């Protein structure tokens, strides 16, 4: 039981730390000595002719 409580507490601290860093600006992060927090970026690469092929499948 103690291990579960310790794991949960560590998880909560990690989440709280990430949220606090996410709210800071890049200048504030530099002031405290952290690099910018990598933000997840999502992108889709569309190959040449892919949209044409997909539209022709309709």
C-alpha atoms as a PDB file:
ATOM      1  CA  UNK A   1       0.000   0.000   0.000  1.00  0.00           C
ATOM      2  CA  UNK A   2       2.830   2.377   0.858  1.00  0.00           C
ATOM      3  CA  UNK A   3       4.425   1.818  -2.550  1.00  0.00           C
ATOM      4  CA  UNK A   4       1.170   2.678  -4.303  1.00  0.00           C
ATOM      5  CA  UNK A   5       0.807   5.887  -2.300  1.00  0.00           C
ATOM      6  CA  UNK A   6       4.415   6.833  -3.031  1.00  0.00           C
ATOM      7  CA  UNK A   7       3.959   6.184  -6.761  1.00  0.00           C
ATOM      8  CA  UNK A   8       0.759   8.224  -6.840  1.00  0.00           C
ATOM      9  CA  UNK A   9       2.403  11.106  -4.975  1.00  0.00           C
ATOM     10  CA  UNK A  10       5.377  11.074  -7.360  1.00  0.00           C
ATOM     11  CA  UNK A  11       3.023  11.076 -10.343  1.00  0.00           C
ATOM     12  CA  UNK A  12       1.091  14.054  -8.953  1.00  0.00           C
ATOM     13  CA  UNK A  13       4.328  15.995  -8.412  1.00  0.00           C
ATOM     14  CA  UNK A  14       5.446  15.244 -11.958  1.00  0.00           C
ATOM     15  CA  UNK A  15       2.148  16.407 -13.418  1.00  0.00           C
ATOM     16  CA  UNK A  16       2.154  19.566 -11.297  1.00  0.00           C
ATOM     17  CA  UNK A  17       5.712  20.350 -12.396  1.00  0.00           C
ATOM     18  CA  UNK A  18       4.864  19.891 -16.061  1.00  0.00           C
ATOM     19  CA  UNK A  19       1.825  22.137 -15.746  1.00  0.00           C
ATOM     20  CA  UNK A  20       3.874  24.813 -14.010  1.00  0.00           C
ATOM     21  CA  UNK A  21       6.537  24.709 -16.733  1.00  0.00           C
ATOM     22  CA  UNK A  22       3.916  24.774 -19.485  1.00  0.00           C
ATOM     23  CA  UNK A  23       2.561  28.069 -18.125  1.00  0.00           C
ATOM     24  CA  UNK A  24       5.937  29.819 -18.250  1.00  0.00           C
ATOM     25  CA  UNK A  25       7.125  31.867 -21.190  1.00  0.00           C
ATOM     26  CA  UNK A  26      10.405  31.144 -22.951  1.00  0.00           C
ATOM     27  CA  UNK A  27      12.039  34.132 -21.189  1.00  0.00           C
ATOM     28  CA  UNK A  28      10.949  32.864 -17.780  1.00  0.00           C
ATOM     29  CA  UNK A  29      12.290  29.403 -18.601  1.00  0.00           C
ATOM     30  CA  UNK A  30      15.658  30.909 -19.541  1.00  0.00           C
ATOM     31  CA  UNK A  31      15.695  32.851 -16.248  1.00  0.00           C
ATOM     32  CA  UNK A  32      15.374  29.658 -14.202  1.00  0.00           C
ATOM     33  CA  UNK A  33      17.915  27.812 -16.350  1.00  0.00           C
ATOM     34  CA  UNK A  34      15.602  25.495 -18.274  1.00  0.00           C
ATOM     35  CA  UNK A  35      15.490  24.993 -21.972  1.00  0.00           C
ATOM     36  CA  UNK A  36      12.180  25.569 -23.654  1.00  0.00           C
ATOM     37  CA  UNK A  37       9.714  22.806 -22.960  1.00  0.00           C
ATOM     38  CA  UNK A  38       9.265  20.764 -26.114  1.00  0.00           C
ATOM     39  CA  UNK A  39       5.701  21.169 -27.241  1.00  0.00           C
ATOM     40  CA  UNK A  40       4.139  18.225 -29.019  1.00  0.00           C
ATOM     41  CA  UNK A  41       3.661  19.030 -32.661  1.00  0.00           C
ATOM     42  CA  UNK A  42       1.493  17.043 -34.981  1.00  0.00           C
ATOM     43  CA  UNK A  43       1.751  17.175 -38.715  1.00  0.00           C
ATOM     44  CA  UNK A  44       0.675  15.097 -41.632  1.00  0.00           C
ATOM     45  CA  UNK A  45       2.799  14.642 -44.691  1.00  0.00           C
ATOM     46  CA  UNK A  46       0.785  14.376 -47.847  1.00  0.00           C
ATOM     47  CA  UNK A  47       2.619  12.744 -50.700  1.00  0.00           C
ATOM     48  CA  UNK A  48       2.343  13.894 -54.286  1.00  0.00           C
ATOM     49  CA  UNK A  49      -0.941  12.718 -55.716  1.00  0.00           C
ATOM     50  CA  UNK A  50      -2.252  11.301 -52.440  1.00  0.00           C
ATOM     51  CA  UNK A  51      -5.198  13.666 -52.257  1.00  0.00           C
ATOM     52  CA  UNK A  52      -6.060  12.885 -55.877  1.00  0.00           C
ATOM     53  CA  UNK A  53      -5.963   9.154 -55.148  1.00  0.00           C
ATOM     54  CA  UNK A  54      -8.085   9.537 -52.040  1.00  0.00           C
ATOM     55  CA  UNK A  55     -10.658  11.659 -53.824  1.00  0.00           C
ATOM     56  CA  UNK A  56     -10.861   9.190 -56.702  1.00  0.00           C
ATOM     57  CA  UNK A  57     -11.604   6.388 -54.213  1.00  0.00           C
ATOM     58  CA  UNK A  58     -14.815   8.074 -53.202  1.00  0.00           C
END
